[in-house]
Amino acid sequence: MSFEARARTALGRHDYQAAAEAAQVLTRQAPESPTGWFLLGMIEAAAGRVARALPLVEAAVARGPQAEHLAQYARLLILLRRDGDAADAARRAMALEPSDALSLDTIGCVEARLGNHAASLAPFTAAVALEPNNLDFRYNLAAASGFTGRIADARAHYEAILARDPGNARTHYALSILSKQTPADNHVSRLETALAAAAEPGDRLRLHYALAKEQEDIGNAAAAFDHLATANGARKAELGYNFSTDAAIFDAIEAAFADPAAAPGPGLDGPAPIFVIGMPRTGTTLVDRILSSHPAMVSAGELQAMPLAVKQLADTRSRLIIDPETVAAGQLLDPHAIGAAYMARAAHHVPPGTTRFVDKLPANFLYAGHIARALPQATIVCLRRHPMDTVWSNFKNLFASTSAYYFYANELMDTARYYARFDALMALWRRQFPGRILELDYEALVADQEAQTRRLLAHCRLDWSDACLSFHENTAAVATPSAAQVRRPMNADAVARWKTHAQALEPVRAWFDAHGIRTD
């Protein structure tokens, strides 16, 4: 067995010491060959040492680029949030026409992480063609198909996975949210069977959410609520979340921006992106689709560019993107530097030279002060939805478990408290930056689409376009839970949805009323 084969075999069984010994022999025998350096990098990456892996893989790429090496290089760059370099490496890898399924799937994953879901289809499709029985590769292709509106293809791939692995919880959940279920056509019975057999907490979580979604779709409100209460209760316990964590962040933001005259300097003049912000599940995806349907606009998706720009420049010690220490340090930063750092990161997600685009990250409401100061030409649109519907829609959504932005959503009263702090923060931004933020009411948009769309476009300094009324015909990818909804014409299906669960939500309604938040 060759030293390369020894290294790969040992790496496959997680024997990192044996793998490293074999790879080191390769670097000594042929120091100008990329193979040994690449394998040493992969060993470091597999052990979780990404920063140490990167220069080793860079050394391999420098010795003669190969598709496999560039694909993995792109993956490491994404993990280190170097999006522009990752995009370049992924496209160079694809241009070398990789012949192995793992490299193709890796390229697709990088494109997906960059928000380029249409570009991910070709490598994902090729990976599945080479290894049709690899369920992970097929899942990635199914997800990309769903994001890009190829619903029938996505459904077929998900069903193919379940035919081979009937208990695959993430596939069950993905299939449940792909489209609205009906009493005559749903997966409730199959989901109940899968839940009864599921042993892993993560699998049970996804299956409870899937059942909640389908039971609500077909009109079984009580069953839907029971599944959500079970899933969210277990998840909150697992996370160990306490609302005081988020309360401390709100406190820090309000303290940092208490003095409107305290801005450290002028911002970056010129670029004029549109930021769509607000509580999650309040219509942000809908407004993103309306705006990106305009011929002068493009959507960059949900960018982390502003949070990362502030964190990078604040250079605080914690690994959290936002915490009280970072908020306090961020207040002292040069707004021009924040604007420049933001635009440098955002540029990797839009066509070259684009300065007008939509950044639809709901959590940017926490950064509205930085946005207003750092990008004086930018426009900000904040979605507002009935507080009870906001609480309910957050409670029923399965947010990414790795994002601390949304830990509050696993408990109704935590979500109510979070809404109240959001509401107070928006009042602060309204006072500090009068006229900068359009607060757009979701219910008003649904009730009078054209009038509210005209108001939206005027705030964003965009001429009228009839295409904005036909947002459902927009063919761009959607990778949020609202994907199915925004491919339909405007409708009022989600208005006052909370009333279906009025009895269970009564403590929330009473708390809002006691704290001056109207629910009538």
Protein backbone atom coordinates (compact mmCIF):
# COMPACT_ATOMS: atom_id res chain seq x y z
CA MET A 1 0.00 0.00 0.00
CA SER A 2 1.35 3.42 -0.96
CA PHE A 3 1.94 6.07 1.67
CA GLU A 4 -0.91 8.12 0.18
CA ALA A 5 -3.26 5.14 0.50
CA ARG A 6 -2.04 4.55 4.06
CA ALA A 7 -2.68 8.16 4.98
CA ARG A 8 -6.16 8.20 3.45
CA THR A 9 -7.10 4.87 5.04
CA ALA A 10 -5.93 5.99 8.48
CA LEU A 11 -7.73 9.31 8.07
CA GLY A 12 -10.90 7.43 7.18
CA ARG A 13 -10.78 5.54 10.48
CA HIS A 14 -9.84 8.72 12.42
CA ASP A 15 -6.36 7.46 13.27
CA TYR A 16 -4.80 10.88 12.87
CA GLN A 17 -1.37 9.91 14.17
CA ALA A 18 -0.93 7.11 11.64
CA ALA A 19 -2.32 9.31 8.88
CA ALA A 20 0.09 12.13 9.75
CA GLU A 21 3.08 9.79 9.81
CA ALA A 22 2.29 8.50 6.32
CA ALA A 23 1.63 12.02 4.98
CA GLN A 24 4.89 13.31 6.44
CA VAL A 25 6.77 10.59 4.60
CA LEU A 26 5.23 11.91 1.38
CA THR A 27 6.33 15.49 2.10
CA ARG A 28 9.87 14.30 2.79
CA GLN A 29 10.05 12.06 -0.27
CA ALA A 30 8.50 14.56 -2.67
CA PRO A 31 8.40 18.03 -1.07
CA GLU A 32 7.28 19.66 -4.35
CA SER A 33 4.34 17.28 -4.75
CA PRO A 34 1.04 18.60 -3.39
CA THR A 35 -0.25 15.27 -2.06
CA GLY A 36 1.50 15.09 1.29
CA TRP A 37 0.74 18.72 2.14
CA PHE A 38 -2.92 18.27 1.21
CA LEU A 39 -3.27 15.18 3.39
CA LEU A 40 -1.61 16.90 6.34
CA GLY A 41 -4.14 19.71 5.93
CA MET A 42 -7.04 17.29 5.83
CA ILE A 43 -5.80 15.63 9.01
CA GLU A 44 -5.71 18.96 10.81
CA ALA A 45 -9.17 19.85 9.49
CA ALA A 46 -10.61 16.50 10.56
CA ALA A 47 -9.23 17.12 14.05
CA GLY A 48 -11.02 20.47 14.13
CA ARG A 49 -7.92 22.62 13.70
CA VAL A 50 -9.09 24.59 10.67
CA ALA A 51 -6.69 27.49 11.09
CA ARG A 52 -3.74 25.07 11.10
CA ALA A 53 -5.17 23.14 8.16
CA LEU A 54 -5.47 26.13 5.86
CA PRO A 55 -1.75 26.90 5.23
CA LEU A 56 -1.06 23.23 4.58
CA VAL A 57 -3.77 23.03 1.93
CA GLU A 58 -2.55 26.35 0.54
CA ALA A 59 0.88 24.77 0.20
CA ALA A 60 -0.70 21.92 -1.75
CA VAL A 61 -2.58 24.27 -4.07
CA ALA A 62 0.57 26.30 -4.67
CA ARG A 63 2.36 23.15 -5.86
CA GLY A 64 -0.12 22.56 -8.65
CA PRO A 65 -3.88 23.04 -8.28
CA GLN A 66 -6.06 19.95 -8.37
CA ALA A 67 -9.84 19.89 -8.18
CA GLU A 68 -9.95 17.90 -4.94
CA HIS A 69 -7.48 20.21 -3.24
CA LEU A 70 -9.22 23.40 -4.37
CA ALA A 71 -12.62 22.07 -3.31
CA GLN A 72 -11.40 21.36 0.20
CA TYR A 73 -9.53 24.66 0.26
CA ALA A 74 -12.81 26.42 -0.53
CA ARG A 75 -14.52 24.53 2.30
CA LEU A 76 -11.89 25.64 4.81
CA LEU A 77 -12.12 29.23 3.63
CA ILE A 78 -15.88 29.21 4.15
CA LEU A 79 -15.39 27.93 7.69
CA LEU A 80 -13.04 30.84 8.31
CA ARG A 81 -15.61 33.26 6.77
CA ARG A 82 -13.37 34.23 3.87
CA ASP A 83 -16.26 34.16 1.43
CA GLY A 84 -14.61 35.86 -1.54
CA ASP A 85 -11.58 33.57 -1.50
CA ALA A 86 -13.87 30.56 -1.03
CA ALA A 87 -15.96 31.51 -4.06
CA ASP A 88 -12.83 31.85 -6.20
CA ALA A 89 -11.43 28.50 -5.05
CA ALA A 90 -14.75 26.70 -5.62
CA ARG A 91 -15.05 28.00 -9.16
CA ARG A 92 -11.45 27.14 -9.95
CA ALA A 93 -12.13 23.64 -8.65
CA MET A 94 -15.23 23.28 -10.81
CA ALA A 95 -13.33 24.49 -13.88
CA LEU A 96 -10.89 21.59 -13.41
CA GLU A 97 -13.83 19.18 -13.92
CA PRO A 98 -13.55 17.06 -10.77
CA SER A 99 -14.20 13.38 -11.28
CA ASP A 100 -14.92 12.35 -7.68
CA ALA A 101 -18.30 12.82 -6.03
CA LEU A 102 -16.96 14.21 -2.75
CA SER A 103 -15.21 17.12 -4.45
CA LEU A 104 -18.33 17.90 -6.46
CA ASP A 105 -20.54 17.79 -3.39
CA THR A 106 -18.05 19.98 -1.50
CA ILE A 107 -18.12 22.58 -4.28
CA GLY A 108 -21.91 22.53 -4.18
CA CYS A 109 -21.91 23.02 -0.41
CA VAL A 110 -19.57 26.01 -0.72
CA GLU A 111 -21.81 27.60 -3.35
CA ALA A 112 -24.83 26.97 -1.14
CA ARG A 113 -23.12 28.55 1.87
CA LEU A 114 -22.41 31.56 -0.32
CA GLY A 115 -26.10 31.74 -1.22
CA ASN A 116 -25.46 30.67 -4.82
CA HIS A 117 -28.06 27.91 -4.82
CA ALA A 118 -28.52 27.91 -8.59
CA ALA A 119 -24.76 27.43 -9.02
CA SER A 120 -24.81 24.54 -6.54
CA LEU A 121 -27.17 22.47 -8.70
CA ALA A 122 -24.59 21.37 -11.28
CA PRO A 123 -22.01 19.99 -8.82
CA PHE A 124 -24.69 18.42 -6.62
CA THR A 125 -26.29 16.76 -9.67
CA ALA A 126 -22.93 15.44 -10.85
CA ALA A 127 -22.12 14.09 -7.37
CA VAL A 128 -25.40 12.16 -7.22
CA ALA A 129 -24.84 10.81 -10.75
CA LEU A 130 -21.50 9.38 -9.60
CA GLU A 131 -22.76 8.06 -6.26
CA PRO A 132 -26.55 7.70 -6.45
CA ASN A 133 -26.70 5.75 -3.18
CA ASN A 134 -24.98 8.42 -1.11
CA LEU A 135 -27.93 9.85 0.80
CA ASP A 136 -26.06 12.93 2.02
CA PHE A 137 -25.22 13.93 -1.55
CA ARG A 138 -28.82 13.34 -2.62
CA TYR A 139 -30.14 15.37 0.31
CA ASN A 140 -27.99 18.32 -0.73
CA LEU A 141 -29.33 18.08 -4.28
CA ALA A 142 -32.90 17.86 -2.98
CA ALA A 143 -32.44 20.96 -0.81
CA ALA A 144 -30.92 22.94 -3.70
CA SER A 145 -33.78 21.85 -5.93
CA GLY A 146 -36.31 23.10 -3.41
CA PHE A 147 -34.51 26.41 -2.91
CA THR A 148 -34.52 27.04 -6.68
CA GLY A 149 -38.21 26.22 -7.15
CA ARG A 150 -37.77 22.71 -8.60
CA ILE A 151 -40.34 21.35 -6.19
CA ALA A 152 -41.14 18.12 -8.02
CA ASP A 153 -37.44 17.27 -8.29
CA ALA A 154 -36.88 18.02 -4.63
CA ARG A 155 -39.81 15.85 -3.61
CA ALA A 156 -38.56 12.96 -5.76
CA HIS A 157 -35.09 13.12 -4.21
CA TYR A 158 -36.47 13.29 -0.67
CA GLU A 159 -38.71 10.30 -1.33
CA ALA A 160 -35.75 8.38 -2.77
CA ILE A 161 -33.87 8.99 0.48
CA LEU A 162 -36.80 7.84 2.61
CA ALA A 163 -37.20 4.72 0.51
CA ARG A 164 -33.71 3.70 1.62
CA ASP A 165 -33.76 5.26 5.10
CA PRO A 166 -37.35 5.52 6.38
CA GLY A 167 -36.28 7.13 9.66
CA ASN A 168 -34.25 9.97 8.13
CA ALA A 169 -35.59 12.82 10.28
CA ARG A 170 -34.05 15.79 8.48
CA THR A 171 -35.53 14.51 5.21
CA HIS A 172 -38.96 14.07 6.78
CA TYR A 173 -38.81 17.65 8.03
CA ALA A 174 -37.57 19.06 4.71
CA LEU A 175 -40.37 17.27 2.87
CA SER A 176 -42.99 18.57 5.29
CA ILE A 177 -42.05 22.23 4.70
CA LEU A 178 -41.59 21.85 0.95
CA SER A 179 -45.25 22.61 0.31
CA LYS A 180 -48.57 22.94 2.11
CA GLN A 181 -50.15 19.62 3.05
CA THR A 182 -53.84 18.79 2.71
CA PRO A 183 -56.20 16.39 4.51
CA ALA A 184 -56.13 14.18 1.42
CA ASP A 185 -52.37 14.34 0.84
CA ASN A 186 -50.03 14.47 3.83
CA HIS A 187 -47.38 12.44 5.64
CA VAL A 188 -48.80 12.41 9.18
CA SER A 189 -49.10 8.64 9.52
CA ARG A 190 -45.59 8.05 8.18
CA LEU A 191 -44.19 10.76 10.45
CA GLU A 192 -45.87 9.24 13.51
CA THR A 193 -44.29 5.88 12.67
CA ALA A 194 -40.88 7.49 12.31
CA LEU A 195 -41.28 9.39 15.59
CA ALA A 196 -42.20 6.23 17.47
CA ALA A 197 -38.98 4.60 16.26
CA ALA A 198 -36.68 7.63 16.72
CA ALA A 199 -34.13 7.39 19.51
CA GLU A 200 -31.89 10.43 18.98
CA PRO A 201 -33.10 13.74 20.50
CA GLY A 202 -32.23 15.64 17.32
CA ASP A 203 -34.29 13.24 15.22
CA ARG A 204 -37.25 13.48 17.59
CA LEU A 205 -37.01 17.27 17.48
CA ARG A 206 -37.22 17.40 13.67
CA LEU A 207 -40.04 14.88 13.56
CA HIS A 208 -42.08 16.81 16.13
CA TYR A 209 -41.62 19.97 14.06
CA ALA A 210 -42.59 18.13 10.89
CA LEU A 211 -45.72 16.77 12.54
CA ALA A 212 -46.60 20.20 13.91
CA LYS A 213 -46.29 21.71 10.43
CA GLU A 214 -48.44 19.05 8.79
CA GLN A 215 -51.04 18.93 11.56
CA GLU A 216 -51.45 22.71 11.35
CA ASP A 217 -51.70 22.50 7.55
CA ILE A 218 -54.58 20.05 7.76
CA GLY A 219 -56.40 21.87 10.56
CA ASN A 220 -55.46 19.91 13.67
CA ALA A 221 -54.43 22.88 15.79
CA ALA A 222 -54.29 21.13 19.16
CA ALA A 223 -52.07 18.34 17.83
CA ALA A 224 -49.78 20.88 16.18
CA PHE A 225 -49.38 22.82 19.42
CA ASP A 226 -48.67 19.67 21.43
CA HIS A 227 -45.85 18.66 19.10
CA LEU A 228 -44.33 22.15 19.27
CA ALA A 229 -44.57 22.33 23.04
CA THR A 230 -42.81 18.97 23.38
CA ALA A 231 -40.08 19.82 20.89
CA ASN A 232 -39.42 23.34 22.14
CA GLY A 233 -39.42 22.32 25.79
CA ALA A 234 -36.77 19.71 25.15
CA ARG A 235 -34.71 22.07 23.03
CA LYS A 236 -34.74 24.88 25.56
CA ALA A 237 -33.57 22.45 28.25
CA GLU A 238 -30.79 21.20 25.99
CA LEU A 239 -29.60 24.73 25.16
CA GLY A 240 -29.80 25.91 28.77
CA TYR A 241 -31.12 29.23 27.50
CA ASN A 242 -32.05 32.05 29.85
CA PHE A 243 -33.62 35.26 28.58
CA SER A 244 -31.15 37.29 30.63
CA THR A 245 -28.54 36.55 27.95
CA ASP A 246 -30.51 38.43 25.30
CA ALA A 247 -31.65 41.07 27.78
CA ALA A 248 -27.99 41.93 28.46
CA ILE A 249 -27.41 42.46 24.72
CA PHE A 250 -30.41 44.77 24.43
CA ASP A 251 -29.25 46.66 27.52
CA ALA A 252 -25.78 47.10 26.01
CA ILE A 253 -27.14 48.36 22.66
CA GLU A 254 -29.45 50.85 24.33
CA ALA A 255 -26.60 52.14 26.51
CA ALA A 256 -24.17 52.37 23.58
CA PHE A 257 -26.57 54.40 21.44
CA ALA A 258 -28.15 56.48 24.19
CA ASP A 259 -26.39 59.66 23.06
CA PRO A 260 -27.25 60.62 19.46
CA ALA A 261 -24.26 62.97 19.36
CA ALA A 262 -21.74 60.25 20.19
CA ALA A 263 -21.04 59.03 16.65
CA PRO A 264 -17.24 58.71 16.26
CA GLY A 265 -17.17 60.15 12.74
CA PRO A 266 -18.74 60.15 9.26
CA GLY A 267 -19.73 56.98 7.46
CA LEU A 268 -18.91 55.60 4.02
CA ASP A 269 -20.67 57.71 1.43
CA GLY A 270 -21.81 56.23 -1.87
CA PRO A 271 -23.01 52.65 -1.53
CA ALA A 272 -26.76 52.39 -0.97
CA PRO A 273 -27.83 48.85 -0.11
CA ILE A 274 -31.32 48.20 1.23
CA PHE A 275 -31.46 46.45 4.60
CA VAL A 276 -34.61 44.46 5.35
CA ILE A 277 -34.76 43.85 9.08
CA GLY A 278 -37.22 42.84 11.79
CA MET A 279 -38.22 39.92 13.94
CA PRO A 280 -37.97 36.63 12.02
CA ARG A 281 -41.09 35.24 10.36
CA THR A 282 -42.70 38.65 9.91
CA GLY A 283 -42.58 39.07 6.13
CA THR A 284 -38.91 39.87 5.55
CA THR A 285 -38.58 37.25 2.81
CA LEU A 286 -41.72 38.59 1.12
CA VAL A 287 -40.31 42.14 1.06
CA ASP A 288 -36.95 40.86 -0.15
CA ARG A 289 -38.76 39.19 -3.08
CA ILE A 290 -40.75 42.34 -3.85
CA LEU A 291 -37.62 44.49 -3.90
CA SER A 292 -35.47 42.00 -5.82
CA SER A 293 -38.20 41.74 -8.46
CA HIS A 294 -37.38 45.35 -9.37
CA PRO A 295 -35.16 45.47 -12.48
CA ALA A 296 -32.64 47.73 -10.72
CA MET A 297 -32.21 45.45 -7.69
CA VAL A 298 -30.64 42.14 -6.76
CA SER A 299 -30.95 40.20 -3.52
CA ALA A 300 -27.79 39.23 -1.67
CA GLY A 301 -29.75 36.99 0.70
CA GLU A 302 -29.23 36.89 4.45
CA LEU A 303 -25.75 38.31 4.81
CA GLN A 304 -23.74 38.13 8.02
CA ALA A 305 -21.62 40.97 6.63
CA MET A 306 -22.64 43.68 9.12
CA PRO A 307 -22.39 41.53 12.27
CA LEU A 308 -19.03 40.20 11.07
CA ALA A 309 -17.73 43.65 10.14
CA VAL A 310 -18.49 44.96 13.63
CA LYS A 311 -17.05 41.86 15.32
CA GLN A 312 -13.91 41.94 13.18
CA LEU A 313 -13.19 45.60 13.92
CA ALA A 314 -14.16 45.36 17.60
CA ASP A 315 -11.68 42.46 17.96
CA THR A 316 -13.22 41.27 21.22
CA ARG A 317 -12.10 38.09 22.91
CA SER A 318 -15.34 36.10 22.86
CA ARG A 319 -16.20 33.72 20.03
CA LEU A 320 -19.76 35.09 19.96
CA ILE A 321 -20.71 37.39 17.10
CA ILE A 322 -22.64 39.63 19.48
CA ASP A 323 -22.36 40.03 23.24
CA PRO A 324 -22.29 43.03 25.60
CA GLU A 325 -18.51 43.39 25.31
CA THR A 326 -18.65 43.50 21.50
CA VAL A 327 -21.56 45.94 21.57
CA ALA A 328 -19.62 48.30 23.85
CA ALA A 329 -16.46 48.06 21.75
CA GLY A 330 -18.47 48.56 18.56
CA GLN A 331 -19.73 51.94 19.75
CA LEU A 332 -16.15 53.28 19.61
CA LEU A 333 -15.49 52.15 16.04
CA ASP A 334 -15.09 54.46 13.07
CA PRO A 335 -18.36 54.29 11.08
CA HIS A 336 -16.43 54.71 7.82
CA ALA A 337 -14.34 51.64 8.66
CA ILE A 338 -17.48 49.64 9.46
CA GLY A 339 -19.06 50.68 6.17
CA ALA A 340 -15.95 49.73 4.21
CA ALA A 341 -15.62 46.38 6.00
CA TYR A 342 -19.31 45.67 5.36
CA MET A 343 -19.10 46.46 1.65
CA ALA A 344 -15.95 44.35 1.25
CA ARG A 345 -17.78 41.34 2.68
CA ALA A 346 -21.06 41.99 0.86
CA ALA A 347 -19.28 42.36 -2.50
CA HIS A 348 -18.71 38.60 -2.62
CA HIS A 349 -22.47 37.98 -2.78
CA VAL A 350 -23.52 40.35 -5.57
CA PRO A 351 -22.42 40.99 -9.16
CA PRO A 352 -19.16 42.99 -9.46
CA GLY A 353 -19.62 46.72 -9.00
CA THR A 354 -23.08 46.42 -7.44
CA THR A 355 -23.82 48.99 -4.75
CA ARG A 356 -27.63 48.70 -4.70
CA PHE A 357 -28.75 45.33 -3.40
CA VAL A 358 -31.00 43.88 -0.71
CA ASP A 359 -29.47 42.49 2.48
CA LYS A 360 -32.26 40.59 4.21
CA LEU A 361 -30.92 39.54 7.59
CA PRO A 362 -33.74 40.02 10.12
CA ALA A 363 -31.34 40.21 13.07
CA ASN A 364 -29.75 43.33 11.60
CA PHE A 365 -32.34 45.24 13.64
CA LEU A 366 -29.71 44.87 16.38
CA TYR A 367 -27.26 46.73 14.12
CA ALA A 368 -29.57 49.44 12.76
CA GLY A 369 -27.56 52.10 14.58
CA HIS A 370 -24.34 50.96 12.94
CA ILE A 371 -26.05 50.72 9.54
CA ALA A 372 -27.46 54.25 9.80
CA ARG A 373 -24.08 55.71 10.78
CA ALA A 374 -21.77 53.59 8.65
CA LEU A 375 -23.77 53.74 5.39
CA PRO A 376 -25.56 57.11 5.25
CA GLN A 377 -27.01 56.38 1.79
CA ALA A 378 -28.39 52.97 2.76
CA THR A 379 -32.11 52.53 3.30
CA ILE A 380 -33.59 50.42 6.06
CA VAL A 381 -36.97 48.68 6.04
CA CYS A 382 -38.23 47.05 9.22
CA LEU A 383 -41.11 44.60 9.00
CA ARG A 384 -43.71 44.83 11.75
CA ARG A 385 -46.30 42.12 12.29
CA HIS A 386 -49.04 41.68 14.87
CA PRO A 387 -47.22 40.80 18.11
CA MET A 388 -49.27 37.64 18.70
CA ASP A 389 -48.64 36.35 15.18
CA THR A 390 -44.97 37.21 15.61
CA VAL A 391 -44.73 35.14 18.78
CA TRP A 392 -46.60 32.22 17.29
CA SER A 393 -44.66 32.18 14.03
CA ASN A 394 -41.34 32.25 15.90
CA PHE A 395 -42.41 29.51 18.29
CA LYS A 396 -43.39 27.17 15.47
CA ASN A 397 -40.25 27.64 13.36
CA LEU A 398 -37.26 25.32 13.57
CA PHE A 399 -34.34 27.75 13.63
CA ALA A 400 -30.74 26.63 13.18
CA SER A 401 -29.51 25.22 16.47
CA THR A 402 -26.09 26.83 15.93
CA SER A 403 -27.43 30.39 15.84
CA ALA A 404 -27.80 32.03 19.25
CA TYR A 405 -29.85 34.79 17.59
CA TYR A 406 -32.97 32.62 17.90
CA PHE A 407 -32.60 30.69 21.17
CA TYR A 408 -35.46 32.72 22.67
CA ALA A 409 -37.96 31.11 20.25
CA ASN A 410 -38.21 27.82 22.13
CA GLU A 411 -40.55 29.23 24.78
CA LEU A 412 -43.63 31.40 24.35
CA MET A 413 -42.96 33.84 27.17
CA ASP A 414 -39.29 34.19 26.22
CA THR A 415 -40.46 35.09 22.72
CA ALA A 416 -42.92 37.62 24.12
CA ARG A 417 -40.15 39.22 26.20
CA TYR A 418 -37.88 39.30 23.17
CA TYR A 419 -40.59 40.98 21.10
CA ALA A 420 -41.01 43.63 23.79
CA ARG A 421 -37.28 44.39 23.75
CA PHE A 422 -37.30 44.47 19.94
CA ASP A 423 -40.22 46.90 20.07
CA ALA A 424 -38.38 49.16 22.52
CA LEU A 425 -35.19 49.06 20.46
CA MET A 426 -37.07 50.06 17.33
CA ALA A 427 -38.47 53.02 19.28
CA LEU A 428 -34.88 54.02 20.11
CA TRP A 429 -33.82 53.83 16.46
CA ARG A 430 -36.89 55.87 15.53
CA ARG A 431 -35.81 58.63 17.90
CA GLN A 432 -32.13 58.52 17.00
CA PHE A 433 -32.51 58.27 13.23
CA PRO A 434 -35.82 59.90 12.28
CA GLY A 435 -36.93 59.06 8.76
CA ARG A 436 -34.17 56.52 8.13
CA ILE A 437 -36.23 53.40 8.85
CA LEU A 438 -39.50 52.56 7.13
CA GLU A 439 -41.56 50.42 9.49
CA LEU A 440 -43.72 48.41 7.13
CA ASP A 441 -46.76 46.65 8.52
CA TYR A 442 -47.16 43.09 7.21
CA GLU A 443 -50.93 43.11 7.58
CA ALA A 444 -51.18 46.44 5.71
CA LEU A 445 -49.03 45.05 2.89
CA VAL A 446 -51.30 42.03 2.57
CA ALA A 447 -54.45 44.19 2.67
CA ASP A 448 -53.30 46.77 0.10
CA GLN A 449 -50.40 45.35 -1.86
CA GLU A 450 -50.00 48.12 -4.42
CA ALA A 451 -50.24 51.09 -2.06
CA GLN A 452 -47.77 49.60 0.40
CA THR A 453 -45.43 48.52 -2.40
CA ARG A 454 -45.42 52.07 -3.75
CA ARG A 455 -44.61 53.32 -0.24
CA LEU A 456 -41.80 50.77 0.02
CA LEU A 457 -40.25 51.66 -3.32
CA ALA A 458 -40.45 55.38 -2.63
CA HIS A 459 -38.59 54.94 0.66
CA CYS A 460 -35.92 52.91 -1.15
CA ARG A 461 -35.60 55.58 -3.87
CA LEU A 462 -36.74 53.18 -6.59
CA ASP A 463 -39.00 54.01 -9.51
CA TRP A 464 -42.26 52.13 -9.82
CA SER A 465 -42.13 48.72 -11.48
CA ASP A 466 -45.13 46.46 -12.08
CA ALA A 467 -42.78 43.49 -11.63
CA CYS A 468 -42.79 44.17 -7.90
CA LEU A 469 -46.47 43.19 -7.78
CA SER A 470 -45.62 39.86 -9.44
CA PHE A 471 -42.96 38.90 -6.90
CA HIS A 472 -44.22 35.30 -6.95
CA GLU A 473 -42.90 34.98 -10.51
CA ASN A 474 -39.37 35.82 -9.36
CA THR A 475 -37.22 32.78 -10.22
CA ALA A 476 -34.33 33.54 -7.86
CA ALA A 477 -33.55 30.97 -5.18
CA VAL A 478 -35.19 31.18 -1.73
CA ALA A 479 -33.51 29.39 1.17
CA THR A 480 -35.79 30.41 4.05
CA PRO A 481 -38.83 28.71 5.60
CA SER A 482 -40.99 31.14 3.60
CA ALA A 483 -39.94 29.65 0.25
CA ALA A 484 -43.31 28.03 -0.46
CA GLN A 485 -45.31 31.12 0.54
CA VAL A 486 -43.40 33.63 -1.59
CA ARG A 487 -43.92 31.55 -4.70
CA ARG A 488 -47.64 32.24 -4.39
CA PRO A 489 -49.43 35.56 -5.08
CA MET A 490 -50.11 37.84 -2.12
CA ASN A 491 -52.61 36.29 0.28
CA ALA A 492 -53.89 36.71 3.82
CA ASP A 493 -53.50 33.08 4.90
CA ALA A 494 -51.01 33.95 7.67
CA VAL A 495 -52.92 36.94 9.07
CA ALA A 496 -54.32 36.36 12.60
CA ARG A 497 -53.10 32.76 12.52
CA TRP A 498 -52.43 32.98 16.25
CA LYS A 499 -56.17 32.99 16.98
CA THR A 500 -56.31 29.30 16.13
CA HIS A 501 -54.26 28.80 19.30
CA ALA A 502 -55.79 31.64 21.30
CA GLN A 503 -56.33 29.60 24.46
CA ALA A 504 -52.74 28.33 24.59
CA LEU A 505 -51.44 31.84 23.81
CA GLU A 506 -53.59 33.62 26.38
CA PRO A 507 -50.69 34.08 28.86
CA VAL A 508 -48.75 35.86 26.11
CA ARG A 509 -51.69 38.10 25.21
CA ALA A 510 -52.23 39.00 28.87
CA TRP A 511 -48.53 39.78 29.34
CA PHE A 512 -48.50 42.02 26.28
CA ASP A 513 -51.57 43.89 27.49
CA ALA A 514 -49.99 44.36 30.92
CA HIS A 515 -46.88 45.81 29.30
CA GLY A 516 -48.70 48.22 26.99
CA ILE A 517 -48.29 46.23 23.77
CA ARG A 518 -51.61 46.27 21.95
CA THR A 519 -53.04 42.97 20.73
CA ASP A 520 -56.52 44.08 19.64
